[in-house]
Amino acid sequence: MTEFYQRLIYFLQKELPAVEEAINQEQSLPELIRLQRIRAMMKELLDHALFYSKGKGTT
């Protein structure tokens, strides 16, 4: 599972800045809310992946 977490962490760290940029440029309130939810989920998933990749969780 370590390779899975490494790939997940890499993907999320690579894509989070793009989501942040989209949030900064968005003018539509519904789309802004959707992007903010996506960002929150991505950050939470990244936190979990970092935690489990260090062997502190159970898989």
PDB file of N, CA and C in Angstrom:
ATOM      1  N   MET A   1       0.805  -1.201   0.000  1.00  0.00           N
ATOM      2  CA  MET A   1       0.000   0.000   0.000  1.00  0.00           C
ATOM      3  C   MET A   1       0.850   1.267   0.000  1.00  0.00           C
ATOM      4  N   THR A   2       2.102   1.163   0.302  1.00  0.00           N
ATOM      5  CA  THR A   2       2.951   2.348   0.357  1.00  0.00           C
ATOM      6  C   THR A   2       3.010   3.052  -0.988  1.00  0.00           C
ATOM      7  N   GLU A   3       3.127   2.295  -2.073  1.00  0.00           N
ATOM      8  CA  GLU A   3       3.188   2.914  -3.395  1.00  0.00           C
ATOM      9  C   GLU A   3       1.883   3.647  -3.705  1.00  0.00           C
ATOM     10  N   PHE A   4       0.771   3.080  -3.284  1.00  0.00           N
ATOM     11  CA  PHE A   4      -0.522   3.735  -3.484  1.00  0.00           C
ATOM     12  C   PHE A   4      -0.532   5.100  -2.812  1.00  0.00           C
ATOM     13  N   TYR A   5      -0.110   5.152  -1.556  1.00  0.00           N
ATOM     14  CA  TYR A   5      -0.114   6.415  -0.832  1.00  0.00           C
ATOM     15  C   TYR A   5       0.861   7.412  -1.447  1.00  0.00           C
ATOM     16  N   GLN A   6       2.008   6.935  -1.892  1.00  0.00           N
ATOM     17  CA  GLN A   6       2.976   7.828  -2.532  1.00  0.00           C
ATOM     18  C   GLN A   6       2.394   8.456  -3.785  1.00  0.00           C
ATOM     19  N   ARG A   7       1.715   7.653  -4.578  1.00  0.00           N
ATOM     20  CA  ARG A   7       1.097   8.170  -5.808  1.00  0.00           C
ATOM     21  C   ARG A   7      -0.045   9.129  -5.490  1.00  0.00           C
ATOM     22  N   LEU A   8      -0.826   8.790  -4.489  1.00  0.00           N
ATOM     23  CA  LEU A   8      -1.934   9.647  -4.083  1.00  0.00           C
ATOM     24  C   LEU A   8      -1.422  10.989  -3.573  1.00  0.00           C
ATOM     25  N   ILE A   9      -0.397  10.953  -2.742  1.00  0.00           N
ATOM     26  CA  ILE A   9       0.192  12.181  -2.208  1.00  0.00           C
ATOM     27  C   ILE A   9       0.750  13.033  -3.337  1.00  0.00           C
ATOM     28  N   TYR A  10       1.460  12.409  -4.252  1.00  0.00           N
ATOM     29  CA  TYR A  10       2.029  13.136  -5.390  1.00  0.00           C
ATOM     30  C   TYR A  10       0.923  13.808  -6.201  1.00  0.00           C
ATOM     31  N   PHE A  11      -0.132  13.059  -6.508  1.00  0.00           N
ATOM     32  CA  PHE A  11      -1.238  13.601  -7.298  1.00  0.00           C
ATOM     33  C   PHE A  11      -1.900  14.786  -6.597  1.00  0.00           C
ATOM     34  N   LEU A  12      -2.209  14.615  -5.316  1.00  0.00           N
ATOM     35  CA  LEU A  12      -2.900  15.679  -4.586  1.00  0.00           C
ATOM     36  C   LEU A  12      -2.029  16.923  -4.447  1.00  0.00           C
ATOM     37  N   GLN A  13      -0.749  16.744  -4.165  1.00  0.00           N
ATOM     38  CA  GLN A  13       0.143  17.895  -4.045  1.00  0.00           C
ATOM     39  C   GLN A  13       0.310  18.606  -5.378  1.00  0.00           C
ATOM     40  N   LYS A  14       0.222  17.858  -6.459  1.00  0.00           N
ATOM     41  CA  LYS A  14       0.353  18.444  -7.789  1.00  0.00           C
ATOM     42  C   LYS A  14      -0.917  19.201  -8.191  1.00  0.00           C
ATOM     43  N   GLU A  15      -2.081  18.684  -7.829  1.00  0.00           N
ATOM     44  CA  GLU A  15      -3.352  19.249  -8.279  1.00  0.00           C
ATOM     45  C   GLU A  15      -3.943  20.309  -7.349  1.00  0.00           C
ATOM     46  N   LEU A  16      -3.590  20.309  -6.083  1.00  0.00           N
ATOM     47  CA  LEU A  16      -4.150  21.301  -5.162  1.00  0.00           C
ATOM     48  C   LEU A  16      -3.882  22.748  -5.589  1.00  0.00           C
ATOM     49  N   PRO A  17      -2.693  23.091  -6.052  1.00  0.00           N
ATOM     50  CA  PRO A  17      -2.477  24.476  -6.496  1.00  0.00           C
ATOM     51  C   PRO A  17      -3.397  24.886  -7.651  1.00  0.00           C
ATOM     52  N   ALA A  18      -3.725  23.959  -8.528  1.00  0.00           N
ATOM     53  CA  ALA A  18      -4.632  24.270  -9.639  1.00  0.00           C
ATOM     54  C   ALA A  18      -6.037  24.562  -9.119  1.00  0.00           C
ATOM     55  N   VAL A  19      -6.464  23.823  -8.117  1.00  0.00           N
ATOM     56  CA  VAL A  19      -7.777  24.069  -7.520  1.00  0.00           C
ATOM     57  C   VAL A  19      -7.773  25.420  -6.814  1.00  0.00           C
ATOM     58  N   GLU A  20      -6.692  25.730  -6.108  1.00  0.00           N
ATOM     59  CA  GLU A  20      -6.571  27.034  -5.443  1.00  0.00           C
ATOM     60  C   GLU A  20      -6.654  28.173  -6.460  1.00  0.00           C
ATOM     61  N   GLU A  21      -5.972  28.018  -7.569  1.00  0.00           N
ATOM     62  CA  GLU A  21      -5.985  29.040  -8.618  1.00  0.00           C
ATOM     63  C   GLU A  21      -7.391  29.195  -9.192  1.00  0.00           C
ATOM     64  N   ALA A  22      -8.070  28.093  -9.415  1.00  0.00           N
ATOM     65  CA  ALA A  22      -9.439  28.147  -9.939  1.00  0.00           C
ATOM     66  C   ALA A  22     -10.369  28.864  -8.960  1.00  0.00           C
ATOM     67  N   ILE A  23     -10.177  28.625  -7.669  1.00  0.00           N
ATOM     68  CA  ILE A  23     -10.988  29.302  -6.652  1.00  0.00           C
ATOM     69  C   ILE A  23     -10.744  30.805  -6.711  1.00  0.00           C
ATOM     70  N   ASN A  24      -9.499  31.207  -6.845  1.00  0.00           N
ATOM     71  CA  ASN A  24      -9.161  32.631  -6.885  1.00  0.00           C
ATOM     72  C   ASN A  24      -9.739  33.333  -8.102  1.00  0.00           C
ATOM     73  N   GLN A  25      -9.935  32.601  -9.190  1.00  0.00           N
ATOM     74  CA  GLN A  25     -10.422  33.208 -10.423  1.00  0.00           C
ATOM     75  C   GLN A  25     -11.931  33.080 -10.612  1.00  0.00           C
ATOM     76  N   GLU A  26     -12.575  32.231  -9.836  1.00  0.00           N
ATOM     77  CA  GLU A  26     -14.005  31.956 -10.039  1.00  0.00           C
ATOM     78  C   GLU A  26     -14.874  33.121  -9.582  1.00  0.00           C
ATOM     79  N   GLN A  27     -15.885  33.434 -10.369  1.00  0.00           N
ATOM     80  CA  GLN A  27     -16.809  34.513 -10.032  1.00  0.00           C
ATOM     81  C   GLN A  27     -18.221  34.005  -9.759  1.00  0.00           C
ATOM     82  N   SER A  28     -18.529  32.813 -10.195  1.00  0.00           N
ATOM     83  CA  SER A  28     -19.850  32.228  -9.980  1.00  0.00           C
ATOM     84  C   SER A  28     -19.904  31.620  -8.575  1.00  0.00           C
ATOM     85  N   LEU A  29     -20.858  32.051  -7.773  1.00  0.00           N
ATOM     86  CA  LEU A  29     -20.954  31.561  -6.397  1.00  0.00           C
ATOM     87  C   LEU A  29     -21.163  30.045  -6.318  1.00  0.00           C
ATOM     88  N   PRO A  30     -22.084  29.462  -7.098  1.00  0.00           N
ATOM     89  CA  PRO A  30     -22.237  27.997  -7.017  1.00  0.00           C
ATOM     90  C   PRO A  30     -20.952  27.244  -7.386  1.00  0.00           C
ATOM     91  N   GLU A  31     -20.263  27.709  -8.406  1.00  0.00           N
ATOM     92  CA  GLU A  31     -19.012  27.055  -8.809  1.00  0.00           C
ATOM     93  C   GLU A  31     -17.934  27.263  -7.751  1.00  0.00           C
ATOM     94  N   LEU A  32     -17.900  28.436  -7.139  1.00  0.00           N
ATOM     95  CA  LEU A  32     -16.938  28.722  -6.075  1.00  0.00           C
ATOM     96  C   LEU A  32     -17.155  27.774  -4.896  1.00  0.00           C
ATOM     97  N   ILE A  33     -18.402  27.578  -4.524  1.00  0.00           N
ATOM     98  CA  ILE A  33     -18.720  26.662  -3.425  1.00  0.00           C
ATOM     99  C   ILE A  33     -18.292  25.241  -3.777  1.00  0.00           C
ATOM    100  N   ARG A  34     -18.564  24.818  -5.007  1.00  0.00           N
ATOM    101  CA  ARG A  34     -18.175  23.474  -5.452  1.00  0.00           C
ATOM    102  C   ARG A  34     -16.661  23.300  -5.383  1.00  0.00           C
ATOM    103  N   LEU A  35     -15.924  24.298  -5.854  1.00  0.00           N
ATOM    104  CA  LEU A  35     -14.460  24.225  -5.834  1.00  0.00           C
ATOM    105  C   LEU A  35     -13.917  24.219  -4.409  1.00  0.00           C
ATOM    106  N   GLN A  36     -14.536  24.987  -3.528  1.00  0.00           N
ATOM    107  CA  GLN A  36     -14.093  25.004  -2.135  1.00  0.00           C
ATOM    108  C   GLN A  36     -14.323  23.651  -1.471  1.00  0.00           C
ATOM    109  N   ARG A  37     -15.416  23.000  -1.816  1.00  0.00           N
ATOM    110  CA  ARG A  37     -15.676  21.659  -1.274  1.00  0.00           C
ATOM    111  C   ARG A  37     -14.659  20.656  -1.803  1.00  0.00           C
ATOM    112  N   ILE A  38     -14.350  20.769  -3.079  1.00  0.00           N
ATOM    113  CA  ILE A  38     -13.344  19.883  -3.669  1.00  0.00           C
ATOM    114  C   ILE A  38     -12.002  20.084  -2.973  1.00  0.00           C
ATOM    115  N   ARG A  39     -11.619  21.351  -2.765  1.00  0.00           N
ATOM    116  CA  ARG A  39     -10.353  21.649  -2.083  1.00  0.00           C
ATOM    117  C   ARG A  39     -10.340  21.049  -0.683  1.00  0.00           C
ATOM    118  N   ALA A  40     -11.424  21.201   0.051  1.00  0.00           N
ATOM    119  CA  ALA A  40     -11.493  20.666   1.414  1.00  0.00           C
ATOM    120  C   ALA A  40     -11.345  19.146   1.414  1.00  0.00           C
ATOM    121  N   MET A  41     -12.013  18.484   0.472  1.00  0.00           N
ATOM    122  CA  MET A  41     -11.908  17.019   0.393  1.00  0.00           C
ATOM    123  C   MET A  41     -10.498  16.589   0.008  1.00  0.00           C
ATOM    124  N   MET A  42      -9.887  17.313  -0.922  1.00  0.00           N
ATOM    125  CA  MET A  42      -8.527  16.972  -1.344  1.00  0.00           C
ATOM    126  C   MET A  42      -7.551  17.146  -0.188  1.00  0.00           C
ATOM    127  N   LYS A  43      -7.706  18.227   0.585  1.00  0.00           N
ATOM    128  CA  LYS A  43      -6.813  18.458   1.726  1.00  0.00           C
ATOM    129  C   LYS A  43      -6.996  17.378   2.790  1.00  0.00           C
ATOM    130  N   GLU A  44      -8.235  16.997   3.036  1.00  0.00           N
ATOM    131  CA  GLU A  44      -8.482  15.946   4.024  1.00  0.00           C
ATOM    132  C   GLU A  44      -7.898  14.617   3.560  1.00  0.00           C
ATOM    133  N   LEU A  45      -8.085  14.307   2.297  1.00  0.00           N
ATOM    134  CA  LEU A  45      -7.527  13.074   1.742  1.00  0.00           C
ATOM    135  C   LEU A  45      -6.001  13.097   1.806  1.00  0.00           C
ATOM    136  N   LEU A  46      -5.397  14.244   1.521  1.00  0.00           N
ATOM    137  CA  LEU A  46      -3.944  14.376   1.604  1.00  0.00           C
ATOM    138  C   LEU A  46      -3.468  14.162   3.040  1.00  0.00           C
ATOM    139  N   ASP A  47      -4.160  14.751   4.003  1.00  0.00           N
ATOM    140  CA  ASP A  47      -3.795  14.558   5.410  1.00  0.00           C
ATOM    141  C   ASP A  47      -3.839  13.079   5.794  1.00  0.00           C
ATOM    142  N   HIS A  48      -4.900  12.397   5.385  1.00  0.00           N
ATOM    143  CA  HIS A  48      -5.027  10.967   5.697  1.00  0.00           C
ATOM    144  C   HIS A  48      -3.928  10.161   5.010  1.00  0.00           C
ATOM    145  N   ALA A  49      -3.660  10.475   3.756  1.00  0.00           N
ATOM    146  CA  ALA A  49      -2.628   9.737   3.015  1.00  0.00           C
ATOM    147  C   ALA A  49      -1.255   9.937   3.652  1.00  0.00           C
ATOM    148  N   LEU A  50      -0.955  11.157   4.064  1.00  0.00           N
ATOM    149  CA  LEU A  50       0.330  11.419   4.725  1.00  0.00           C
ATOM    150  C   LEU A  50       0.421  10.641   6.037  1.00  0.00           C
ATOM    151  N   PHE A  51      -0.657  10.608   6.785  1.00  0.00           N
ATOM    152  CA  PHE A  51      -0.695   9.898   8.058  1.00  0.00           C
ATOM    153  C   PHE A  51      -0.475   8.397   7.849  1.00  0.00           C
ATOM    154  N   TYR A  52      -1.224   7.811   6.909  1.00  0.00           N
ATOM    155  CA  TYR A  52      -1.119   6.369   6.685  1.00  0.00           C
ATOM    156  C   TYR A  52       0.183   5.975   6.007  1.00  0.00           C
ATOM    157  N   SER A  53       0.738   6.858   5.190  1.00  0.00           N
ATOM    158  CA  SER A  53       1.991   6.513   4.507  1.00  0.00           C
ATOM    159  C   SER A  53       3.152   6.407   5.484  1.00  0.00           C
ATOM    160  N   LYS A  54       3.018   7.023   6.641  1.00  0.00           N
ATOM    161  CA  LYS A  54       4.073   6.957   7.651  1.00  0.00           C
ATOM    162  C   LYS A  54       3.896   5.749   8.562  1.00  0.00           C
ATOM    163  N   GLY A  55       2.905   4.907   8.248  1.00  0.00           N
ATOM    164  CA  GLY A  55       2.713   3.680   9.005  1.00  0.00           C
ATOM    165  C   GLY A  55       2.009   3.859  10.323  1.00  0.00           C
ATOM    166  N   LYS A  56       1.338   4.999  10.512  1.00  0.00           N
ATOM    167  CA  LYS A  56       0.682   5.248  11.786  1.00  0.00           C
ATOM    168  C   LYS A  56      -0.776   4.814  11.778  1.00  0.00           C
ATOM    169  N   GLY A  57      -1.252   4.410  10.631  1.00  0.00           N
ATOM    170  CA  GLY A  57      -2.641   3.964  10.545  1.00  0.00           C
ATOM    171  C   GLY A  57      -2.689   2.499  10.189  1.00  0.00           C
ATOM    172  N   THR A  58      -3.868   1.983  10.157  1.00  0.00           N
ATOM    173  CA  THR A  58      -4.036   0.598   9.742  1.00  0.00           C
ATOM    174  C   THR A  58      -4.758   0.586   8.413  1.00  0.00           C
ATOM    175  N   THR A  59      -4.386  -0.362   7.571  1.00  0.00           N
ATOM    176  CA  THR A  59      -5.020  -0.447   6.255  1.00  0.00           C
ATOM    177  C   THR A  59      -5.869  -1.679   6.169  1.00  0.00           C
TER     178      THR A  59
END
